[in-house]
């Protein structure tokens, strides 16, 4: 990550039991509390957004059919009509 990148700060509060649970889990994973919270927040945001960056749709390679009018052919099939001349 670029060290010159602008960062935002987010704060929250925990009751003592929640904090202890977080601290133990972070320690067990070899993370600081800050990094554990950051990872948790990013995971939550990714899961909640409904977008999975690992989805194969985001990793498709462009395909060339060597037909410069392929989109017009698709329109004709989908909409059942030819494009009007300009």
PDB file of N, CA and C in Angstrom:
ATOM      1  N   UNK A   1       0.845  -1.173   0.000  1.00  0.00           N
ATOM      2  CA  UNK A   1       0.000   0.000   0.000  1.00  0.00           C
ATOM      3  C   UNK A   1       0.891   1.236   0.000  1.00  0.00           C
ATOM      4  N   UNK A   2       0.516   2.250  -0.751  1.00  0.00           N
ATOM      5  CA  UNK A   2       1.292   3.469  -0.869  1.00  0.00           C
ATOM      6  C   UNK A   2       1.320   4.206   0.462  1.00  0.00           C
ATOM      7  N   UNK A   3       2.526   4.476   0.977  1.00  0.00           N
ATOM      8  CA  UNK A   3       2.649   5.129   2.278  1.00  0.00           C
ATOM      9  C   UNK A   3       2.221   6.587   2.228  1.00  0.00           C
ATOM     10  N   UNK A   4       2.108   7.157   1.026  1.00  0.00           N
ATOM     11  CA  UNK A   4       1.684   8.550   0.901  1.00  0.00           C
ATOM     12  C   UNK A   4       0.178   8.690   0.727  1.00  0.00           C
ATOM     13  N   UNK A   5      -0.492   7.570   0.717  1.00  0.00           N
ATOM     14  CA  UNK A   5      -1.932   7.557   0.523  1.00  0.00           C
ATOM     15  C   UNK A   5      -2.646   8.191   1.711  1.00  0.00           C
ATOM     16  N   UNK A   6      -3.661   8.967   1.438  1.00  0.00           N
ATOM     17  CA  UNK A   6      -4.449   9.568   2.517  1.00  0.00           C
ATOM     18  C   UNK A   6      -5.179   8.472   3.281  1.00  0.00           C
ATOM     19  N   UNK A   7      -5.176   8.560   4.576  1.00  0.00           N
ATOM     20  CA  UNK A   7      -5.833   7.557   5.413  1.00  0.00           C
ATOM     21  C   UNK A   7      -6.950   8.235   6.200  1.00  0.00           C
ATOM     22  N   UNK A   8      -7.977   7.505   6.524  1.00  0.00           N
ATOM     23  CA  UNK A   8      -9.089   7.961   7.359  1.00  0.00           C
ATOM     24  C   UNK A   8      -9.050   7.176   8.658  1.00  0.00           C
ATOM     25  N   UNK A   9      -9.501   7.779   9.731  1.00  0.00           N
ATOM     26  CA  UNK A   9      -9.521   7.136  11.038  1.00  0.00           C
ATOM     27  C   UNK A   9     -10.970   6.850  11.415  1.00  0.00           C
ATOM     28  N   UNK A  10     -11.220   5.638  11.908  1.00  0.00           N
ATOM     29  CA  UNK A  10     -12.537   5.256  12.396  1.00  0.00           C
ATOM     30  C   UNK A  10     -12.384   4.801  13.848  1.00  0.00           C
ATOM     31  N   UNK A  11     -13.303   5.180  14.686  1.00  0.00           N
ATOM     32  CA  UNK A  11     -13.239   4.796  16.093  1.00  0.00           C
ATOM     33  C   UNK A  11     -14.500   4.058  16.493  1.00  0.00           C
ATOM     34  N   UNK A  12     -14.376   3.237  17.511  1.00  0.00           N
ATOM     35  CA  UNK A  12     -15.531   2.549  18.073  1.00  0.00           C
ATOM     36  C   UNK A  12     -15.266   2.284  19.544  1.00  0.00           C
ATOM     37  N   UNK A  13     -16.266   1.790  20.223  1.00  0.00           N
ATOM     38  CA  UNK A  13     -16.139   1.465  21.643  1.00  0.00           C
ATOM     39  C   UNK A  13     -16.528   0.014  21.863  1.00  0.00           C
ATOM     40  N   UNK A  14     -15.872  -0.635  22.813  1.00  0.00           N
ATOM     41  CA  UNK A  14     -16.165  -2.009  23.194  1.00  0.00           C
ATOM     42  C   UNK A  14     -16.381  -2.068  24.690  1.00  0.00           C
ATOM     43  N   UNK A  15     -17.235  -2.976  25.106  1.00  0.00           N
ATOM     44  CA  UNK A  15     -17.289  -3.213  26.551  1.00  0.00           C
ATOM     45  C   UNK A  15     -16.063  -4.067  26.893  1.00  0.00           C
ATOM     46  N   UNK A  16     -15.690  -4.152  28.159  1.00  0.00           N
ATOM     47  CA  UNK A  16     -14.454  -4.860  28.518  1.00  0.00           C
ATOM     48  C   UNK A  16     -14.374  -6.299  28.010  1.00  0.00           C
ATOM     49  N   UNK A  17     -15.479  -7.045  28.040  1.00  0.00           N
ATOM     50  CA  UNK A  17     -15.454  -8.431  27.558  1.00  0.00           C
ATOM     51  C   UNK A  17     -15.173  -8.482  26.057  1.00  0.00           C
ATOM     52  N   UNK A  18     -15.828  -7.614  25.298  1.00  0.00           N
ATOM     53  CA  UNK A  18     -15.612  -7.580  23.848  1.00  0.00           C
ATOM     54  C   UNK A  18     -14.152  -7.240  23.537  1.00  0.00           C
ATOM     55  N   UNK A  19     -13.616  -6.261  24.257  1.00  0.00           N
ATOM     56  CA  UNK A  19     -12.233  -5.851  24.039  1.00  0.00           C
ATOM     57  C   UNK A  19     -11.262  -6.980  24.355  1.00  0.00           C
ATOM     58  N   UNK A  20     -11.497  -7.674  25.463  1.00  0.00           N
ATOM     59  CA  UNK A  20     -10.627  -8.797  25.820  1.00  0.00           C
ATOM     60  C   UNK A  20     -10.661  -9.886  24.751  1.00  0.00           C
ATOM     61  N   UNK A  21     -11.860 -10.192  24.252  1.00  0.00           N
ATOM     62  CA  UNK A  21     -12.001 -11.194  23.197  1.00  0.00           C
ATOM     63  C   UNK A  21     -11.237 -10.760  21.950  1.00  0.00           C
ATOM     64  N   UNK A  22     -11.386  -9.499  21.577  1.00  0.00           N
ATOM     65  CA  UNK A  22     -10.670  -8.963  20.422  1.00  0.00           C
ATOM     66  C   UNK A  22      -9.160  -9.019  20.634  1.00  0.00           C
ATOM     67  N   UNK A  23      -8.709  -8.581  21.781  1.00  0.00           N
ATOM     68  CA  UNK A  23      -7.264  -8.551  22.067  1.00  0.00           C
ATOM     69  C   UNK A  23      -6.669  -9.957  22.020  1.00  0.00           C
ATOM     70  N   UNK A  24      -7.377 -10.937  22.583  1.00  0.00           N
ATOM     71  CA  UNK A  24      -6.882 -12.319  22.574  1.00  0.00           C
ATOM     72  C   UNK A  24      -6.817 -12.866  21.137  1.00  0.00           C
ATOM     73  N   UNK A  25      -7.861 -12.600  20.374  1.00  0.00           N
ATOM     74  CA  UNK A  25      -7.887 -13.090  18.988  1.00  0.00           C
ATOM     75  C   UNK A  25      -6.781 -12.439  18.163  1.00  0.00           C
ATOM     76  N   UNK A  26      -6.565 -11.156  18.352  1.00  0.00           N
ATOM     77  CA  UNK A  26      -5.509 -10.452  17.622  1.00  0.00           C
ATOM     78  C   UNK A  26      -4.143 -11.017  18.003  1.00  0.00           C
ATOM     79  N   UNK A  27      -3.926 -11.179  19.294  1.00  0.00           N
ATOM     80  CA  UNK A  27      -2.649 -11.712  19.780  1.00  0.00           C
ATOM     81  C   UNK A  27      -2.404 -13.104  19.209  1.00  0.00           C
ATOM     82  N   UNK A  28      -3.447 -13.944  19.225  1.00  0.00           N
ATOM     83  CA  UNK A  28      -3.335 -15.313  18.720  1.00  0.00           C
ATOM     84  C   UNK A  28      -2.954 -15.325  17.233  1.00  0.00           C
ATOM     85  N   UNK A  29      -3.423 -14.325  16.502  1.00  0.00           N
ATOM     86  CA  UNK A  29      -3.133 -14.232  15.066  1.00  0.00           C
ATOM     87  C   UNK A  29      -1.863 -13.451  14.773  1.00  0.00           C
ATOM     88  N   UNK A  30      -1.226 -12.953  15.820  1.00  0.00           N
ATOM     89  CA  UNK A  30      -0.003 -12.179  15.616  1.00  0.00           C
ATOM     90  C   UNK A  30      -0.253 -10.795  15.053  1.00  0.00           C
ATOM     91  N   UNK A  31      -1.436 -10.258  15.322  1.00  0.00           N
ATOM     92  CA  UNK A  31      -1.806  -8.944  14.798  1.00  0.00           C
ATOM     93  C   UNK A  31      -1.955  -7.937  15.929  1.00  0.00           C
ATOM     94  N   UNK A  32      -1.763  -6.683  15.585  1.00  0.00           N
ATOM     95  CA  UNK A  32      -2.108  -5.633  16.533  1.00  0.00           C
ATOM     96  C   UNK A  32      -3.634  -5.521  16.538  1.00  0.00           C
ATOM     97  N   UNK A  33      -4.178  -4.907  17.555  1.00  0.00           N
ATOM     98  CA  UNK A  33      -5.631  -4.703  17.595  1.00  0.00           C
ATOM     99  C   UNK A  33      -6.055  -3.850  16.405  1.00  0.00           C
ATOM    100  N   UNK A  34      -5.252  -2.843  16.096  1.00  0.00           N
ATOM    101  CA  UNK A  34      -5.553  -1.971  14.957  1.00  0.00           C
ATOM    102  C   UNK A  34      -5.673  -2.773  13.664  1.00  0.00           C
ATOM    103  N   UNK A  35      -4.698  -3.651  13.396  1.00  0.00           N
ATOM    104  CA  UNK A  35      -4.720  -4.439  12.159  1.00  0.00           C
ATOM    105  C   UNK A  35      -5.854  -5.458  12.162  1.00  0.00           C
ATOM    106  N   UNK A  36      -6.123  -6.054  13.326  1.00  0.00           N
ATOM    107  CA  UNK A  36      -7.231  -7.013  13.424  1.00  0.00           C
ATOM    108  C   UNK A  36      -8.558  -6.318  13.118  1.00  0.00           C
ATOM    109  N   UNK A  37      -8.760  -5.124  13.669  1.00  0.00           N
ATOM    110  CA  UNK A  37      -9.987  -4.372  13.393  1.00  0.00           C
ATOM    111  C   UNK A  37     -10.068  -3.964  11.926  1.00  0.00           C
ATOM    112  N   UNK A  38      -8.940  -3.557  11.361  1.00  0.00           N
ATOM    113  CA  UNK A  38      -8.923  -3.170   9.950  1.00  0.00           C
ATOM    114  C   UNK A  38      -9.314  -4.347   9.071  1.00  0.00           C
ATOM    115  N   UNK A  39      -8.721  -5.520   9.319  1.00  0.00           N
ATOM    116  CA  UNK A  39      -9.064  -6.706   8.531  1.00  0.00           C
ATOM    117  C   UNK A  39     -10.535  -7.078   8.702  1.00  0.00           C
ATOM    118  N   UNK A  40     -11.027  -7.002   9.925  1.00  0.00           N
ATOM    119  CA  UNK A  40     -12.432  -7.344  10.182  1.00  0.00           C
ATOM    120  C   UNK A  40     -13.366  -6.385   9.454  1.00  0.00           C
ATOM    121  N   UNK A  41     -13.039  -5.089   9.487  1.00  0.00           N
ATOM    122  CA  UNK A  41     -13.883  -4.093   8.822  1.00  0.00           C
ATOM    123  C   UNK A  41     -13.891  -4.305   7.309  1.00  0.00           C
ATOM    124  N   UNK A  42     -12.721  -4.570   6.741  1.00  0.00           N
ATOM    125  CA  UNK A  42     -12.655  -4.791   5.293  1.00  0.00           C
ATOM    126  C   UNK A  42     -13.392  -6.063   4.887  1.00  0.00           C
ATOM    127  N   UNK A  43     -13.265  -7.105   5.676  1.00  0.00           N
ATOM    128  CA  UNK A  43     -13.983  -8.349   5.378  1.00  0.00           C
ATOM    129  C   UNK A  43     -15.487  -8.121   5.457  1.00  0.00           C
ATOM    130  N   UNK A  44     -15.931  -7.428   6.486  1.00  0.00           N
ATOM    131  CA  UNK A  44     -17.361  -7.150   6.642  1.00  0.00           C
ATOM    132  C   UNK A  44     -17.875  -6.321   5.461  1.00  0.00           C
ATOM    133  N   UNK A  45     -17.132  -5.285   5.086  1.00  0.00           N
ATOM    134  CA  UNK A  45     -17.564  -4.429   3.983  1.00  0.00           C
ATOM    135  C   UNK A  45     -17.652  -5.212   2.677  1.00  0.00           C
ATOM    136  N   UNK A  46     -16.691  -6.090   2.438  1.00  0.00           N
ATOM    137  CA  UNK A  46     -16.696  -6.901   1.222  1.00  0.00           C
ATOM    138  C   UNK A  46     -17.882  -7.856   1.212  1.00  0.00           C
ATOM    139  N   UNK A  47     -18.113  -8.534   2.325  1.00  0.00           N
ATOM    140  CA  UNK A  47     -19.218  -9.489   2.401  1.00  0.00           C
ATOM    141  C   UNK A  47     -20.570  -8.797   2.309  1.00  0.00           C
ATOM    142  N   UNK A  48     -20.693  -7.633   2.912  1.00  0.00           N
ATOM    143  CA  UNK A  48     -21.959  -6.910   2.933  1.00  0.00           C
ATOM    144  C   UNK A  48     -22.271  -6.276   1.591  1.00  0.00           C
ATOM    145  N   UNK A  49     -21.238  -5.902   0.844  1.00  0.00           N
ATOM    146  CA  UNK A  49     -21.460  -5.231  -0.440  1.00  0.00           C
ATOM    147  C   UNK A  49     -22.100  -6.161  -1.461  1.00  0.00           C
ATOM    148  N   UNK A  50     -21.927  -7.468  -1.273  1.00  0.00           N
ATOM    149  CA  UNK A  50     -22.472  -8.417  -2.232  1.00  0.00           C
ATOM    150  C   UNK A  50     -21.572  -8.615  -3.442  1.00  0.00           C
ATOM    151  N   UNK A  51     -20.452  -7.925  -3.476  1.00  0.00           N
ATOM    152  CA  UNK A  51     -19.511  -8.057  -4.582  1.00  0.00           C
ATOM    153  C   UNK A  51     -18.349  -8.915  -4.111  1.00  0.00           C
ATOM    154  N   UNK A  52     -18.097  -9.963  -4.851  1.00  0.00           N
ATOM    155  CA  UNK A  52     -16.990 -10.859  -4.519  1.00  0.00           C
ATOM    156  C   UNK A  52     -15.872 -10.628  -5.529  1.00  0.00           C
ATOM    157  N   UNK A  53     -14.785  -9.965  -5.095  1.00  0.00           N
ATOM    158  CA  UNK A  53     -13.699  -9.695  -6.039  1.00  0.00           C
ATOM    159  C   UNK A  53     -13.095 -10.962  -6.640  1.00  0.00           C
ATOM    160  N   UNK A  54     -13.297 -12.098  -6.017  1.00  0.00           N
ATOM    161  CA  UNK A  54     -12.773 -13.357  -6.552  1.00  0.00           C
ATOM    162  C   UNK A  54     -13.710 -13.959  -7.594  1.00  0.00           C
ATOM    163  N   UNK A  55     -14.874 -13.354  -7.791  1.00  0.00           N
ATOM    164  CA  UNK A  55     -15.826 -13.865  -8.776  1.00  0.00           C
ATOM    165  C   UNK A  55     -15.159 -13.894 -10.147  1.00  0.00           C
ATOM    166  N   UNK A  56     -15.249 -15.015 -10.847  1.00  0.00           N
ATOM    167  CA  UNK A  56     -14.596 -15.142 -12.157  1.00  0.00           C
ATOM    168  C   UNK A  56     -15.018 -14.068 -13.157  1.00  0.00           C
ATOM    169  N   UNK A  57     -16.186 -13.480 -12.989  1.00  0.00           N
ATOM    170  CA  UNK A  57     -16.641 -12.451 -13.928  1.00  0.00           C
ATOM    171  C   UNK A  57     -15.677 -11.267 -13.963  1.00  0.00           C
ATOM    172  N   UNK A  58     -14.972 -11.032 -12.841  1.00  0.00           N
ATOM    173  CA  UNK A  58     -14.029  -9.919 -12.779  1.00  0.00           C
ATOM    174  C   UNK A  58     -12.659 -10.276 -13.342  1.00  0.00           C
ATOM    175  N   UNK A  59     -12.486 -11.496 -13.803  1.00  0.00           N
ATOM    176  CA  UNK A  59     -11.185 -11.929 -14.293  1.00  0.00           C
ATOM    177  C   UNK A  59     -11.247 -12.479 -15.720  1.00  0.00           C
ATOM    178  N   UNK A  60     -12.316 -12.120 -16.435  1.00  0.00           N
ATOM    179  CA  UNK A  60     -12.453 -12.567 -17.820  1.00  0.00           C
ATOM    180  C   UNK A  60     -11.496 -11.804 -18.721  1.00  0.00           C
ATOM    181  N   UNK A  61     -11.001 -12.478 -19.698  1.00  0.00           N
ATOM    182  CA  UNK A  61     -10.129 -11.851 -20.688  1.00  0.00           C
ATOM    183  C   UNK A  61     -10.989 -11.446 -21.882  1.00  0.00           C
ATOM    184  N   UNK A  62     -10.690 -10.309 -22.503  1.00  0.00           N
ATOM    185  CA  UNK A  62     -11.472  -9.874 -23.663  1.00  0.00           C
ATOM    186  C   UNK A  62     -11.387 -10.901 -24.797  1.00  0.00           C
ATOM    187  N   UNK A  63     -12.471 -11.025 -25.524  1.00  0.00           N
ATOM    188  CA  UNK A  63     -12.517 -11.950 -26.652  1.00  0.00           C
ATOM    189  C   UNK A  63     -12.742 -11.133 -27.914  1.00  0.00           C
ATOM    190  N   UNK A  64     -11.994 -11.431 -28.942  1.00  0.00           N
ATOM    191  CA  UNK A  64     -12.174 -10.753 -30.215  1.00  0.00           C
ATOM    192  C   UNK A  64     -12.769 -11.739 -31.206  1.00  0.00           C
ATOM    193  N   UNK A  65     -13.871 -11.363 -31.799  1.00  0.00           N
ATOM    194  CA  UNK A  65     -14.501 -12.204 -32.817  1.00  0.00           C
ATOM    195  C   UNK A  65     -14.120 -11.721 -34.216  1.00  0.00           C
ATOM    196  N   UNK A  66     -13.248 -10.735 -34.283  1.00  0.00           N
ATOM    197  CA  UNK A  66     -12.768 -10.161 -35.534  1.00  0.00           C
ATOM    198  C   UNK A  66     -13.913  -9.669 -36.418  1.00  0.00           C
ATOM    199  N   UNK A  67     -14.978  -9.302 -35.771  1.00  0.00           N
ATOM    200  CA  UNK A  67     -16.141  -8.774 -36.487  1.00  0.00           C
ATOM    201  C   UNK A  67     -16.466  -7.422 -35.883  1.00  0.00           C
ATOM    202  N   UNK A  68     -16.160  -6.370 -36.621  1.00  0.00           N
ATOM    203  CA  UNK A  68     -16.353  -5.023 -36.087  1.00  0.00           C
ATOM    204  C   UNK A  68     -17.828  -4.672 -35.914  1.00  0.00           C
ATOM    205  N   UNK A  69     -18.709  -5.476 -36.489  1.00  0.00           N
ATOM    206  CA  UNK A  69     -20.140  -5.202 -36.367  1.00  0.00           C
ATOM    207  C   UNK A  69     -20.856  -6.256 -35.529  1.00  0.00           C
ATOM    208  N   UNK A  70     -20.093  -6.956 -34.695  1.00  0.00           N
ATOM    209  CA  UNK A  70     -20.679  -8.022 -33.884  1.00  0.00           C
ATOM    210  C   UNK A  70     -21.791  -7.501 -32.985  1.00  0.00           C
ATOM    211  N   UNK A  71     -21.615  -6.306 -32.421  1.00  0.00           N
ATOM    212  CA  UNK A  71     -22.647  -5.777 -31.531  1.00  0.00           C
ATOM    213  C   UNK A  71     -23.948  -5.514 -32.283  1.00  0.00           C
ATOM    214  N   UNK A  72     -23.833  -5.124 -33.544  1.00  0.00           N
ATOM    215  CA  UNK A  72     -25.036  -4.909 -34.347  1.00  0.00           C
ATOM    216  C   UNK A  72     -25.745  -6.241 -34.609  1.00  0.00           C
ATOM    217  N   UNK A  73     -24.971  -7.300 -34.832  1.00  0.00           N
ATOM    218  CA  UNK A  73     -25.560  -8.623 -35.034  1.00  0.00           C
ATOM    219  C   UNK A  73     -26.289  -9.086 -33.777  1.00  0.00           C
ATOM    220  N   UNK A  74     -25.686  -8.820 -32.643  1.00  0.00           N
ATOM    221  CA  UNK A  74     -26.323  -9.189 -31.375  1.00  0.00           C
ATOM    222  C   UNK A  74     -27.618  -8.411 -31.212  1.00  0.00           C
ATOM    223  N   UNK A  75     -27.592  -7.100 -31.482  1.00  0.00           N
ATOM    224  CA  UNK A  75     -28.811  -6.290 -31.381  1.00  0.00           C
ATOM    225  C   UNK A  75     -29.913  -6.840 -32.280  1.00  0.00           C
ATOM    226  N   UNK A  76     -29.531  -7.242 -33.489  1.00  0.00           N
ATOM    227  CA  UNK A  76     -30.511  -7.775 -34.433  1.00  0.00           C
ATOM    228  C   UNK A  76     -31.153  -9.046 -33.876  1.00  0.00           C
ATOM    229  N   UNK A  77     -30.337  -9.900 -33.273  1.00  0.00           N
ATOM    230  CA  UNK A  77     -30.857 -11.148 -32.700  1.00  0.00           C
ATOM    231  C   UNK A  77     -31.722 -10.852 -31.481  1.00  0.00           C
ATOM    232  N   UNK A  78     -31.227  -9.989 -30.594  1.00  0.00           N
ATOM    233  CA  UNK A  78     -31.946  -9.706 -29.347  1.00  0.00           C
ATOM    234  C   UNK A  78     -33.211  -8.910 -29.593  1.00  0.00           C
ATOM    235  N   UNK A  79     -33.107  -7.849 -30.416  1.00  0.00           N
ATOM    236  CA  UNK A  79     -34.245  -6.948 -30.597  1.00  0.00           C
ATOM    237  C   UNK A  79     -35.041  -7.221 -31.873  1.00  0.00           C
ATOM    238  N   UNK A  80     -34.542  -8.124 -32.728  1.00  0.00           N
ATOM    239  CA  UNK A  80     -35.274  -8.500 -33.922  1.00  0.00           C
ATOM    240  C   UNK A  80     -35.368  -7.420 -34.977  1.00  0.00           C
ATOM    241  N   UNK A  81     -34.452  -6.509 -34.992  1.00  0.00           N
ATOM    242  CA  UNK A  81     -34.496  -5.461 -36.016  1.00  0.00           C
ATOM    243  C   UNK A  81     -33.076  -5.002 -36.326  1.00  0.00           C
ATOM    244  N   UNK A  82     -32.962  -4.431 -37.488  1.00  0.00           N
ATOM    245  CA  UNK A  82     -31.656  -3.902 -37.897  1.00  0.00           C
ATOM    246  C   UNK A  82     -31.531  -2.465 -37.388  1.00  0.00           C
ATOM    247  N   UNK A  83     -30.279  -2.060 -37.144  1.00  0.00           N
ATOM    248  CA  UNK A  83     -29.998  -0.694 -36.750  1.00  0.00           C
ATOM    249  C   UNK A  83     -30.310   0.219 -37.923  1.00  0.00           C
ATOM    250  N   UNK A  84     -30.944   1.344 -37.639  1.00  0.00           N
ATOM    251  CA  UNK A  84     -31.257   2.290 -38.704  1.00  0.00           C
ATOM    252  C   UNK A  84     -29.994   2.954 -39.200  1.00  0.00           C
ATOM    253  N   UNK A  85     -29.919   3.170 -40.500  1.00  0.00           N
ATOM    254  CA  UNK A  85     -28.725   3.864 -41.038  1.00  0.00           C
ATOM    255  C   UNK A  85     -28.663   5.277 -40.491  1.00  0.00           C
ATOM    256  N   UNK A  86     -27.447   5.764 -40.267  1.00  0.00           N
ATOM    257  CA  UNK A  86     -27.268   7.124 -39.734  1.00  0.00           C
ATOM    258  C   UNK A  86     -27.422   8.146 -40.818  1.00  0.00           C
TER     259      UNK A  86
END
